[in-house]
Amino acid sequence: MNNQPQTYSESFVGHLFQRCVQDKGVAARLRRADNPATEFQSWDTLAAFGVNLEHAAERQPFALIAAAVARCQKSVNGTLRLGRAIALCYDEGNQSDQAKARLRRLLACDQIEELCRILRPLLSLIQSRVPQALDYVRLLNELRWFDRSAQQTKARWAQQFYGKTTETDKELP
């Protein structure tokens, strides 16, 4: 058993998995959290974790992860990194022109709102084509820090996509 205290992101994602397994109504509401027209249905869960609902740049990453966790049909967080997951969506892996185009579009994002908008269909694609579960805790951390370390985050995703990892890939800011 791990005796280390959980991080904020670990607590949030763990809570989401637990609630989705226990309450199908909550899971249904959370699946709609990444849609601007229906995201308000997840605000009770986000507010319970102290997410500032008034600021889209803070709210949207949490809503995106809540929807992804509710849709993933897994009971625990995975270990698959985003860049690697994009490559695994295609038979040719990181040599696929479609995979490269998806990665380039992701890497072109400069603001968190745009990034969340681009990630929404990408996460659905990953969940439909890749059997392994994403590391939602890591992805939430990357999204939360994106405004402060966008280039580092993008570099990590590219390294994961092309199969190269570094020591900095193991630890987030």
Protein backbone atom coordinates (compact mmCIF):
# COMPACT_ATOMS: atom_id res chain seq x y z
CA MET A 1 0.00 0.00 0.00
CA ASN A 2 1.25 3.46 -0.91
CA ASN A 3 1.50 5.73 2.14
CA GLN A 4 2.24 8.91 0.21
CA PRO A 5 -0.49 11.57 0.43
CA GLN A 6 -2.50 12.01 -2.74
CA THR A 7 -2.08 15.08 -4.86
CA TYR A 8 -5.03 17.31 -5.69
CA SER A 9 -5.28 15.78 -9.18
CA GLU A 10 -5.03 12.22 -7.82
CA SER A 11 -7.81 12.95 -5.33
CA PHE A 12 -10.02 14.48 -8.03
CA VAL A 13 -9.55 11.66 -10.56
CA GLY A 14 -9.89 8.97 -7.88
CA HIS A 15 -13.11 10.58 -6.71
CA LEU A 16 -14.43 10.61 -10.29
CA PHE A 17 -13.73 6.91 -10.80
CA GLN A 18 -15.35 6.06 -7.47
CA ARG A 19 -18.47 8.17 -8.12
CA CYS A 20 -18.91 6.85 -11.67
CA VAL A 21 -18.85 3.25 -10.43
CA GLN A 22 -21.22 3.97 -7.53
CA ASP A 23 -23.73 6.27 -9.19
CA LYS A 24 -24.72 5.92 -12.85
CA GLY A 25 -26.67 9.19 -12.69
CA VAL A 26 -23.53 11.09 -11.71
CA ALA A 27 -21.62 9.28 -14.46
CA ALA A 28 -24.25 10.34 -17.01
CA ARG A 29 -24.01 13.98 -15.94
CA LEU A 30 -20.21 13.92 -15.96
CA ARG A 31 -20.13 12.47 -19.50
CA ARG A 32 -21.64 15.80 -20.62
CA ALA A 33 -19.15 17.94 -18.68
CA ASP A 34 -16.99 18.76 -21.71
CA ASN A 35 -19.90 20.11 -23.76
CA PRO A 36 -20.26 23.89 -23.24
CA ALA A 37 -24.07 23.61 -23.43
CA THR A 38 -24.33 20.96 -20.69
CA GLU A 39 -21.17 21.33 -18.59
CA PHE A 40 -23.17 23.02 -15.83
CA GLN A 41 -24.43 19.55 -14.89
CA SER A 42 -20.95 18.75 -13.54
CA TRP A 43 -20.49 21.96 -11.59
CA ASP A 44 -21.52 20.41 -8.27
CA THR A 45 -18.65 17.92 -8.55
CA LEU A 46 -16.18 20.58 -9.70
CA ALA A 47 -17.22 23.05 -7.01
CA ALA A 48 -16.85 20.36 -4.32
CA PHE A 49 -13.17 20.24 -5.26
CA GLY A 50 -12.78 24.00 -5.11
CA VAL A 51 -12.64 24.58 -8.87
CA ASN A 52 -13.41 28.21 -9.69
CA LEU A 53 -16.45 27.87 -11.95
CA GLU A 54 -16.29 31.51 -13.04
CA HIS A 55 -12.95 31.11 -14.85
CA ALA A 56 -13.13 28.97 -17.98
CA ALA A 57 -9.37 28.45 -18.05
CA GLU A 58 -9.54 26.76 -14.65
CA ARG A 59 -12.90 25.02 -15.07
CA GLN A 60 -12.50 23.51 -18.55
CA PRO A 61 -9.57 21.16 -17.82
CA PHE A 62 -11.45 19.67 -14.86
CA ALA A 63 -14.65 19.37 -16.90
CA LEU A 64 -12.77 17.72 -19.77
CA ILE A 65 -11.15 15.16 -17.47
CA ALA A 66 -14.44 14.51 -15.66
CA ALA A 67 -16.16 13.73 -18.97
CA ALA A 68 -13.27 11.54 -20.16
CA VAL A 69 -13.20 9.53 -16.94
CA ALA A 70 -16.98 9.06 -17.02
CA ARG A 71 -16.77 7.79 -20.62
CA CYS A 72 -13.73 5.53 -20.27
CA GLN A 73 -15.57 2.56 -18.72
CA LYS A 74 -12.59 1.72 -16.53
CA SER A 75 -12.58 1.60 -12.76
CA VAL A 76 -9.07 2.96 -12.12
CA ASN A 77 -6.66 5.47 -13.61
CA GLY A 78 -4.39 4.15 -16.34
CA THR A 79 -0.74 4.69 -17.20
CA LEU A 80 -0.92 5.53 -20.91
CA ARG A 81 0.47 8.96 -21.81
CA LEU A 82 -1.35 11.24 -24.26
CA GLY A 83 1.33 11.36 -26.96
CA ARG A 84 1.70 7.57 -27.03
CA ALA A 85 -2.10 7.14 -27.07
CA ILE A 86 -2.41 9.28 -30.21
CA ALA A 87 0.12 7.07 -32.00
CA LEU A 88 -1.67 3.90 -30.86
CA CYS A 89 -4.91 5.07 -32.50
CA TYR A 90 -3.51 4.22 -35.92
CA ASP A 91 -2.13 0.99 -37.40
CA GLU A 92 1.00 2.77 -38.61
CA GLY A 93 1.53 4.33 -35.18
CA ASN A 94 3.67 7.46 -35.19
CA GLN A 95 4.27 7.03 -38.93
CA SER A 96 0.61 7.63 -39.74
CA ASP A 97 -0.07 10.93 -41.50
CA GLN A 98 -3.38 11.23 -39.63
CA ALA A 99 -1.70 10.67 -36.29
CA LYS A 100 0.96 13.27 -37.12
CA ALA A 101 -1.74 15.75 -38.15
CA ARG A 102 -3.60 15.21 -34.87
CA LEU A 103 -0.40 15.71 -32.89
CA ARG A 104 0.51 18.85 -34.86
CA ARG A 105 -2.95 20.31 -34.23
CA LEU A 106 -2.59 19.62 -30.53
CA LEU A 107 0.89 21.17 -30.45
CA ALA A 108 -0.39 24.28 -32.22
CA CYS A 109 -2.62 25.18 -29.26
CA ASP A 110 -1.49 28.19 -27.27
CA GLN A 111 -4.34 28.64 -24.81
CA ILE A 112 -6.02 26.20 -22.47
CA GLU A 113 -9.51 26.86 -23.85
CA GLU A 114 -8.37 25.96 -27.37
CA LEU A 115 -6.49 22.93 -26.07
CA CYS A 116 -9.57 21.59 -24.26
CA ARG A 117 -11.66 22.12 -27.41
CA ILE A 118 -9.14 20.13 -29.49
CA LEU A 119 -8.73 17.41 -26.85
CA ARG A 120 -12.45 16.68 -26.56
CA PRO A 121 -12.79 14.68 -29.82
CA LEU A 122 -9.24 13.38 -29.52
CA LEU A 123 -9.96 11.75 -26.16
CA SER A 124 -13.08 10.14 -27.65
CA LEU A 125 -10.98 8.77 -30.51
CA ILE A 126 -8.40 7.39 -28.09
CA GLN A 127 -11.07 5.73 -25.95
CA SER A 128 -12.66 4.12 -29.01
CA ARG A 129 -9.43 2.76 -30.50
CA VAL A 130 -6.99 2.11 -27.65
CA PRO A 131 -7.80 -0.52 -25.01
CA GLN A 132 -5.38 0.83 -22.37
CA ALA A 133 -6.58 3.55 -20.04
CA LEU A 134 -5.03 6.99 -20.16
CA ASP A 135 -3.22 8.46 -17.20
CA TYR A 136 -5.90 11.04 -16.41
CA VAL A 137 -4.05 12.31 -13.35
CA ARG A 138 -1.00 13.20 -15.44
CA LEU A 139 -3.17 14.73 -18.17
CA LEU A 140 -5.03 16.86 -15.64
CA ASN A 141 -1.72 18.06 -14.20
CA GLU A 142 -0.48 18.90 -17.70
CA LEU A 143 -3.65 20.85 -18.42
CA ARG A 144 -3.55 22.68 -15.09
CA TRP A 145 0.06 23.78 -15.72
CA PHE A 146 -0.35 24.41 -19.47
CA ASP A 147 -0.50 28.20 -19.21
CA ARG A 148 2.80 28.22 -17.28
CA SER A 149 4.69 25.47 -19.09
CA ALA A 150 3.07 25.00 -22.50
CA GLN A 151 6.31 24.37 -24.40
CA GLN A 152 7.48 21.74 -21.91
CA THR A 153 4.11 19.99 -22.03
CA LYS A 154 4.04 20.02 -25.82
CA ALA A 155 7.61 18.69 -25.97
CA ARG A 156 6.63 15.82 -23.64
CA TRP A 157 3.65 14.93 -25.81
CA ALA A 158 5.83 14.93 -28.94
CA GLN A 159 8.45 12.76 -27.23
CA GLN A 160 5.77 10.32 -26.09
CA PHE A 161 4.32 10.22 -29.60
CA TYR A 162 7.66 9.48 -31.24
CA GLY A 163 8.62 6.96 -28.55
CA LYS A 164 11.35 8.95 -26.87
CA THR A 165 11.13 9.76 -23.17
CA THR A 166 13.39 11.74 -20.92
CA GLU A 167 13.79 12.16 -17.20
CA THR A 168 11.60 15.28 -17.34
CA ASP A 169 8.80 13.15 -18.80
CA LYS A 170 8.68 11.28 -15.50
CA GLU A 171 8.10 14.32 -13.30
CA LEU A 172 5.76 17.27 -13.80
CA PRO A 173 6.42 20.79 -12.56
